[in-house]
């Protein structure tokens, strides 16, 4: 068996430790993501709850808001979206959702959402944070 120098053994050991650390970090992040609980529902969400549900795949007048942060606009399975939302071509993020919640018809002309929008920017951000935490 060939003899290895202490330097090579340390380098090899460091590589293994780094690789294990990266793997552990990745699996921990995935586990953390899966274990994340939704934020508390803000009072302003009561208006949204008239038409939207927060359970996966449960649609009402509006589509389910579960998993919105992970999907493209207009793509929830089992819901018939307006051509404006189907063709929007983006994935929802905090800024885009907060702006949309302030004035849906100006932000995305052609949307069928009946709600005129939240006047208060902080309420819109609070609702956006809550909705994006549903996963």
N, C-alpha and C. Protein backbone atom coordinates (compact mmCIF):
# COMPACT_ATOMS: atom_id res chain seq x y z
N UNK A 1 0.84 -1.18 0.00
CA UNK A 1 0.00 0.00 0.00
C UNK A 1 0.89 1.25 0.00
N UNK A 2 0.65 2.20 -0.92
CA UNK A 2 1.48 3.39 -0.98
C UNK A 2 1.27 4.27 0.25
N UNK A 3 2.36 4.86 0.68
CA UNK A 3 2.29 5.73 1.84
C UNK A 3 1.92 7.14 1.40
N UNK A 4 0.97 7.76 2.11
CA UNK A 4 0.54 9.12 1.74
C UNK A 4 1.12 10.12 2.72
N UNK A 5 1.42 11.28 2.20
CA UNK A 5 1.98 12.32 3.07
C UNK A 5 0.87 12.91 3.95
N UNK A 6 1.21 13.43 5.12
CA UNK A 6 0.21 14.04 6.00
C UNK A 6 -0.52 15.19 5.32
N UNK A 7 0.19 15.92 4.47
CA UNK A 7 -0.45 17.04 3.77
C UNK A 7 -1.56 16.56 2.86
N UNK A 8 -1.31 15.46 2.11
CA UNK A 8 -2.32 14.91 1.22
C UNK A 8 -3.52 14.40 2.01
N UNK A 9 -3.27 13.78 3.17
CA UNK A 9 -4.37 13.27 3.99
C UNK A 9 -5.23 14.40 4.52
N UNK A 10 -4.59 15.49 4.95
CA UNK A 10 -5.34 16.65 5.45
C UNK A 10 -6.16 17.25 4.32
N UNK A 11 -5.56 17.42 3.14
CA UNK A 11 -6.28 17.98 1.99
C UNK A 11 -7.46 17.10 1.62
N UNK A 12 -7.25 15.79 1.60
CA UNK A 12 -8.33 14.87 1.26
C UNK A 12 -9.43 14.94 2.32
N UNK A 13 -9.03 15.02 3.59
CA UNK A 13 -10.01 15.12 4.68
C UNK A 13 -10.80 16.41 4.59
N UNK A 14 -10.14 17.51 4.25
CA UNK A 14 -10.83 18.79 4.12
C UNK A 14 -11.84 18.75 2.99
N UNK A 15 -11.48 18.10 1.89
CA UNK A 15 -12.41 17.97 0.77
C UNK A 15 -13.66 17.21 1.20
N UNK A 16 -13.48 16.13 1.93
CA UNK A 16 -14.62 15.34 2.41
C UNK A 16 -15.48 16.17 3.35
N UNK A 17 -14.84 16.91 4.27
CA UNK A 17 -15.59 17.73 5.22
C UNK A 17 -16.38 18.80 4.48
N UNK A 18 -15.74 19.47 3.52
CA UNK A 18 -16.45 20.49 2.75
C UNK A 18 -17.60 19.87 1.98
N UNK A 19 -17.37 18.76 1.33
CA UNK A 19 -18.43 18.10 0.57
C UNK A 19 -19.58 17.69 1.48
N UNK A 20 -19.28 17.14 2.63
CA UNK A 20 -20.33 16.75 3.58
C UNK A 20 -21.07 17.97 4.08
N UNK A 21 -20.33 19.05 4.34
CA UNK A 21 -20.96 20.28 4.81
C UNK A 21 -21.91 20.85 3.78
N UNK A 22 -21.51 20.83 2.51
CA UNK A 22 -22.38 21.33 1.45
C UNK A 22 -23.62 20.46 1.31
N UNK A 23 -23.43 19.16 1.37
CA UNK A 23 -24.56 18.24 1.26
C UNK A 23 -25.50 18.43 2.44
N UNK A 24 -24.96 18.52 3.63
CA UNK A 24 -25.80 18.71 4.82
C UNK A 24 -26.54 20.03 4.72
N UNK A 25 -25.85 21.08 4.25
CA UNK A 25 -26.50 22.38 4.11
C UNK A 25 -27.64 22.33 3.12
N UNK A 26 -27.46 21.64 2.02
CA UNK A 26 -28.51 21.54 1.01
C UNK A 26 -29.71 20.79 1.55
N UNK A 27 -29.47 19.65 2.18
CA UNK A 27 -30.60 18.87 2.66
C UNK A 27 -31.29 19.59 3.81
N UNK A 28 -30.50 20.33 4.62
CA UNK A 28 -31.10 21.09 5.70
C UNK A 28 -32.00 22.19 5.14
N UNK A 29 -31.54 22.88 4.11
CA UNK A 29 -32.34 23.92 3.51
C UNK A 29 -33.64 23.36 2.95
N UNK A 30 -33.56 22.23 2.26
CA UNK A 30 -34.77 21.62 1.72
C UNK A 30 -35.71 21.22 2.85
N UNK A 31 -35.14 20.69 3.94
CA UNK A 31 -35.97 20.30 5.08
C UNK A 31 -36.58 21.52 5.75
N UNK A 32 -35.78 22.58 5.88
CA UNK A 32 -36.30 23.81 6.49
C UNK A 32 -37.44 24.36 5.65
N UNK A 33 -37.25 24.33 4.34
CA UNK A 33 -38.28 24.84 3.45
C UNK A 33 -39.58 24.06 3.60
N UNK A 34 -39.46 22.75 3.71
CA UNK A 34 -40.65 21.90 3.83
C UNK A 34 -41.33 22.09 5.18
N UNK A 35 -40.56 22.44 6.21
CA UNK A 35 -41.11 22.58 7.54
C UNK A 35 -41.59 24.00 7.84
N UNK A 36 -41.40 24.92 6.92
CA UNK A 36 -41.79 26.29 7.13
C UNK A 36 -43.30 26.40 7.31
N UNK A 37 -43.69 27.12 8.34
CA UNK A 37 -45.12 27.33 8.59
C UNK A 37 -45.53 28.66 8.00
N UNK A 38 -46.77 28.76 7.51
CA UNK A 38 -47.23 30.05 6.98
C UNK A 38 -47.21 31.13 8.06
N UNK A 39 -47.03 32.35 7.64
CA UNK A 39 -47.12 33.49 8.54
C UNK A 39 -48.56 33.62 9.04
N UNK A 40 -48.77 34.34 10.12
CA UNK A 40 -50.15 34.58 10.58
C UNK A 40 -50.93 35.35 9.51
N UNK A 41 -52.20 35.02 9.39
CA UNK A 41 -53.03 35.66 8.37
C UNK A 41 -53.33 37.11 8.77
N UNK A 42 -52.97 38.07 7.92
CA UNK A 42 -53.24 39.47 8.26
C UNK A 42 -54.73 39.79 8.13
N UNK A 43 -55.18 40.78 8.86
CA UNK A 43 -56.58 41.19 8.84
C UNK A 43 -57.03 41.54 7.42
N UNK A 44 -56.18 42.20 6.67
CA UNK A 44 -56.53 42.63 5.31
C UNK A 44 -56.81 41.44 4.38
N UNK A 45 -56.37 40.25 4.75
CA UNK A 45 -56.61 39.07 3.91
C UNK A 45 -58.08 38.68 3.88
N UNK A 46 -58.87 39.18 4.81
CA UNK A 46 -60.31 38.86 4.85
C UNK A 46 -60.98 39.17 3.51
N UNK A 47 -60.57 40.23 2.87
CA UNK A 47 -61.12 40.58 1.55
C UNK A 47 -60.75 39.52 0.52
N UNK A 48 -59.54 39.04 0.57
CA UNK A 48 -59.06 38.02 -0.37
C UNK A 48 -59.81 36.70 -0.16
N UNK A 49 -60.06 36.39 1.13
CA UNK A 49 -60.69 35.12 1.49
C UNK A 49 -62.12 35.00 0.99
N UNK A 50 -62.69 36.08 0.54
CA UNK A 50 -64.05 36.03 -0.04
C UNK A 50 -64.05 35.18 -1.33
N UNK A 51 -62.94 35.21 -2.04
CA UNK A 51 -62.87 34.51 -3.33
C UNK A 51 -61.77 33.46 -3.43
N UNK A 52 -60.76 33.55 -2.59
CA UNK A 52 -59.60 32.65 -2.67
C UNK A 52 -59.52 31.74 -1.46
N UNK A 53 -59.07 30.51 -1.69
CA UNK A 53 -58.81 29.55 -0.62
C UNK A 53 -57.30 29.39 -0.47
N UNK A 54 -56.90 28.89 0.69
CA UNK A 54 -55.47 28.74 0.95
C UNK A 54 -55.06 27.28 1.05
N UNK A 55 -55.93 26.37 0.69
CA UNK A 55 -55.61 24.95 0.67
C UNK A 55 -55.11 24.58 -0.73
N UNK A 56 -54.18 23.64 -0.82
CA UNK A 56 -53.65 23.23 -2.13
C UNK A 56 -54.75 22.73 -3.05
N UNK A 57 -54.84 23.32 -4.24
CA UNK A 57 -55.77 22.84 -5.27
C UNK A 57 -57.23 23.15 -5.04
N UNK A 58 -57.58 23.88 -4.00
CA UNK A 58 -58.99 24.19 -3.72
C UNK A 58 -59.28 25.58 -4.28
N UNK A 59 -60.01 25.60 -5.39
CA UNK A 59 -60.34 26.85 -6.06
C UNK A 59 -61.76 27.27 -5.70
N UNK A 60 -62.00 28.55 -5.79
CA UNK A 60 -63.32 29.12 -5.55
C UNK A 60 -63.58 30.06 -6.72
N UNK A 61 -64.09 31.25 -6.45
CA UNK A 61 -64.24 32.24 -7.51
C UNK A 61 -62.85 32.55 -8.08
N UNK A 62 -61.87 32.61 -7.20
CA UNK A 62 -60.48 32.80 -7.59
C UNK A 62 -59.70 31.53 -7.34
N UNK A 63 -58.48 31.44 -7.86
CA UNK A 63 -57.67 30.23 -7.67
C UNK A 63 -57.14 30.10 -6.24
N UNK A 64 -56.76 28.89 -5.88
CA UNK A 64 -56.10 28.64 -4.60
C UNK A 64 -54.80 29.45 -4.56
N UNK A 65 -54.52 30.01 -3.40
CA UNK A 65 -53.29 30.79 -3.24
C UNK A 65 -52.14 29.98 -2.67
N UNK A 66 -52.40 28.71 -2.41
CA UNK A 66 -51.35 27.83 -1.88
C UNK A 66 -50.26 27.66 -2.93
N UNK A 67 -49.01 27.85 -2.55
CA UNK A 67 -47.89 27.63 -3.45
C UNK A 67 -47.71 28.70 -4.50
N UNK A 68 -48.29 29.87 -4.29
CA UNK A 68 -48.19 30.93 -5.29
C UNK A 68 -46.75 31.34 -5.56
N UNK A 69 -45.91 31.28 -4.53
CA UNK A 69 -44.52 31.70 -4.70
C UNK A 69 -43.72 30.75 -5.59
N UNK A 70 -44.27 29.60 -5.87
CA UNK A 70 -43.55 28.60 -6.65
C UNK A 70 -44.13 28.38 -8.04
N UNK A 71 -45.07 29.23 -8.43
CA UNK A 71 -45.66 29.00 -9.75
C UNK A 71 -45.76 30.28 -10.56
N UNK A 72 -45.83 30.05 -11.85
CA UNK A 72 -45.98 31.16 -12.78
C UNK A 72 -47.40 31.68 -12.71
N UNK A 73 -47.56 32.95 -12.96
CA UNK A 73 -48.89 33.57 -12.96
C UNK A 73 -49.78 32.84 -13.96
N UNK A 74 -51.00 32.59 -13.55
CA UNK A 74 -51.97 31.97 -14.44
C UNK A 74 -51.76 30.49 -14.71
N UNK A 75 -51.09 29.78 -13.79
CA UNK A 75 -50.78 28.39 -14.09
C UNK A 75 -51.30 27.37 -13.07
N UNK A 76 -52.11 27.77 -12.10
CA UNK A 76 -52.63 26.80 -11.12
C UNK A 76 -53.50 25.78 -11.85
N UNK A 77 -53.19 24.51 -11.65
CA UNK A 77 -53.94 23.44 -12.30
C UNK A 77 -55.39 23.45 -11.85
N UNK A 78 -56.29 23.29 -12.80
CA UNK A 78 -57.71 23.19 -12.48
C UNK A 78 -58.43 24.51 -12.37
N UNK A 79 -57.79 25.60 -12.71
CA UNK A 79 -58.45 26.90 -12.64
C UNK A 79 -58.38 27.57 -14.02
N UNK A 80 -59.47 28.19 -14.42
CA UNK A 80 -59.54 28.84 -15.72
C UNK A 80 -59.19 30.33 -15.57
N UNK A 81 -57.98 30.68 -15.92
CA UNK A 81 -57.50 32.05 -15.78
C UNK A 81 -57.86 32.91 -16.98
N UNK A 82 -57.84 34.21 -16.77
CA UNK A 82 -58.02 35.16 -17.86
C UNK A 82 -56.81 35.04 -18.79
N UNK A 83 -56.99 35.40 -20.06
CA UNK A 83 -55.84 35.41 -20.97
C UNK A 83 -54.71 36.31 -20.46
N UNK A 84 -55.06 37.39 -19.77
CA UNK A 84 -54.04 38.31 -19.23
C UNK A 84 -53.13 37.59 -18.24
N UNK A 85 -53.70 36.80 -17.34
CA UNK A 85 -52.87 36.09 -16.36
C UNK A 85 -52.15 34.91 -16.99
N UNK A 86 -52.82 34.20 -17.89
CA UNK A 86 -52.15 33.06 -18.56
C UNK A 86 -50.95 33.52 -19.35
N UNK A 87 -51.03 34.69 -19.91
CA UNK A 87 -49.93 35.19 -20.75
C UNK A 87 -48.98 36.13 -20.04
N UNK A 88 -49.11 36.26 -18.73
CA UNK A 88 -48.29 37.23 -17.98
C UNK A 88 -46.79 36.90 -18.04
N UNK A 89 -46.43 35.62 -18.02
CA UNK A 89 -45.04 35.22 -18.20
C UNK A 89 -44.10 35.50 -17.05
N UNK A 90 -44.59 35.53 -15.84
CA UNK A 90 -43.71 35.73 -14.69
C UNK A 90 -44.12 34.81 -13.55
N UNK A 91 -43.21 34.65 -12.61
CA UNK A 91 -43.49 33.93 -11.37
C UNK A 91 -43.71 34.98 -10.29
N UNK A 92 -44.69 34.76 -9.46
CA UNK A 92 -45.02 35.72 -8.41
C UNK A 92 -43.86 35.88 -7.43
N UNK A 93 -43.56 37.12 -7.07
CA UNK A 93 -42.61 37.43 -6.01
C UNK A 93 -43.25 38.53 -5.15
N UNK A 94 -42.59 38.88 -4.08
CA UNK A 94 -43.18 39.82 -3.12
C UNK A 94 -43.52 41.17 -3.76
N UNK A 95 -42.58 41.75 -4.47
CA UNK A 95 -42.80 43.07 -5.06
C UNK A 95 -43.94 43.04 -6.08
N UNK A 96 -43.90 42.07 -6.97
CA UNK A 96 -44.92 41.98 -8.02
C UNK A 96 -46.31 41.76 -7.41
N UNK A 97 -46.40 40.89 -6.39
CA UNK A 97 -47.68 40.61 -5.77
C UNK A 97 -48.20 41.81 -5.00
N UNK A 98 -47.33 42.50 -4.26
CA UNK A 98 -47.76 43.68 -3.50
C UNK A 98 -48.28 44.78 -4.44
N UNK A 99 -47.61 44.99 -5.55
CA UNK A 99 -48.06 45.99 -6.52
C UNK A 99 -49.39 45.56 -7.14
N UNK A 100 -49.51 44.29 -7.48
CA UNK A 100 -50.75 43.76 -8.04
C UNK A 100 -51.91 43.94 -7.06
N UNK A 101 -51.66 43.67 -5.79
CA UNK A 101 -52.71 43.80 -4.77
C UNK A 101 -53.15 45.24 -4.56
N UNK A 102 -52.31 46.18 -4.88
CA UNK A 102 -52.68 47.60 -4.75
C UNK A 102 -53.65 48.01 -5.84
N UNK A 103 -53.44 47.53 -7.07
CA UNK A 103 -54.32 47.89 -8.19
C UNK A 103 -54.22 46.83 -9.27
N UNK A 104 -54.98 45.72 -9.10
CA UNK A 104 -54.86 44.60 -10.03
C UNK A 104 -55.14 44.97 -11.49
N UNK A 105 -56.12 45.83 -11.73
CA UNK A 105 -56.52 46.14 -13.11
C UNK A 105 -55.52 47.04 -13.83
N UNK A 106 -54.85 47.90 -13.09
CA UNK A 106 -53.81 48.74 -13.69
C UNK A 106 -52.54 47.93 -13.91
N UNK A 107 -52.22 47.06 -12.94
CA UNK A 107 -51.00 46.27 -13.01
C UNK A 107 -51.05 45.21 -14.09
N UNK A 108 -52.21 44.58 -14.24
CA UNK A 108 -52.37 43.52 -15.22
C UNK A 108 -53.71 43.69 -15.94
N UNK A 109 -53.75 44.62 -16.90
CA UNK A 109 -55.00 44.87 -17.62
C UNK A 109 -55.57 43.57 -18.21
N UNK A 110 -56.86 43.40 -18.03
CA UNK A 110 -57.51 42.20 -18.55
C UNK A 110 -57.74 41.14 -17.49
N UNK A 111 -57.21 41.36 -16.26
CA UNK A 111 -57.47 40.39 -15.20
C UNK A 111 -58.96 40.38 -14.88
N UNK A 112 -59.47 39.22 -14.47
CA UNK A 112 -60.89 39.11 -14.11
C UNK A 112 -61.11 39.27 -12.61
N UNK A 113 -60.04 39.55 -11.88
CA UNK A 113 -60.18 39.72 -10.44
C UNK A 113 -61.12 40.90 -10.18
N UNK A 114 -62.13 40.67 -9.37
CA UNK A 114 -63.15 41.68 -9.11
C UNK A 114 -62.70 42.74 -8.11
N UNK A 115 -61.79 42.39 -7.25
CA UNK A 115 -61.36 43.28 -6.19
C UNK A 115 -60.60 44.48 -6.74
N UNK A 116 -60.93 45.70 -6.30
CA UNK A 116 -60.27 46.89 -6.84
C UNK A 116 -58.85 47.11 -6.31
N UNK A 117 -58.51 46.53 -5.18
CA UNK A 117 -57.16 46.67 -4.65
C UNK A 117 -57.12 47.23 -3.25
N UNK A 118 -55.99 47.03 -2.59
CA UNK A 118 -55.76 47.55 -1.24
C UNK A 118 -55.16 48.95 -1.36
N UNK A 119 -55.71 49.90 -0.62
CA UNK A 119 -55.19 51.26 -0.68
C UNK A 119 -53.87 51.41 0.06
N UNK A 120 -53.70 50.68 1.15
CA UNK A 120 -52.52 50.82 1.99
C UNK A 120 -51.39 49.91 1.53
N UNK A 121 -50.24 50.49 1.23
CA UNK A 121 -49.08 49.72 0.74
C UNK A 121 -48.60 48.71 1.77
N UNK A 122 -48.61 49.07 3.05
CA UNK A 122 -48.16 48.15 4.10
C UNK A 122 -49.10 46.95 4.20
N UNK A 123 -50.40 47.16 4.04
CA UNK A 123 -51.35 46.05 4.05
C UNK A 123 -51.10 45.13 2.86
N UNK A 124 -50.84 45.72 1.70
CA UNK A 124 -50.57 44.92 0.50
C UNK A 124 -49.31 44.08 0.70
N UNK A 125 -48.27 44.65 1.30
CA UNK A 125 -47.04 43.91 1.57
C UNK A 125 -47.28 42.80 2.59
N UNK A 126 -48.09 43.09 3.59
CA UNK A 126 -48.42 42.09 4.62
C UNK A 126 -49.18 40.91 4.01
N UNK A 127 -50.14 41.20 3.15
CA UNK A 127 -50.89 40.14 2.47
C UNK A 127 -49.97 39.36 1.54
N UNK A 128 -49.11 40.07 0.81
CA UNK A 128 -48.16 39.39 -0.09
C UNK A 128 -47.25 38.46 0.69
N UNK A 129 -46.72 38.92 1.82
CA UNK A 129 -45.85 38.08 2.65
C UNK A 129 -46.60 36.83 3.12
N UNK A 130 -47.84 37.01 3.56
CA UNK A 130 -48.63 35.87 4.03
C UNK A 130 -48.87 34.87 2.89
N UNK A 131 -49.35 35.37 1.77
CA UNK A 131 -49.68 34.48 0.64
C UNK A 131 -48.43 33.73 0.17
N UNK A 132 -47.30 34.41 0.10
CA UNK A 132 -46.08 33.77 -0.36
C UNK A 132 -45.52 32.77 0.65
N UNK A 133 -45.99 32.84 1.88
CA UNK A 133 -45.56 31.88 2.89
C UNK A 133 -46.38 30.59 2.85
N UNK A 134 -47.41 30.55 2.04
CA UNK A 134 -48.29 29.36 1.94
C UNK A 134 -47.66 28.34 1.01
N UNK A 135 -46.91 27.39 1.58
CA UNK A 135 -46.27 26.35 0.78
C UNK A 135 -45.94 25.17 1.63
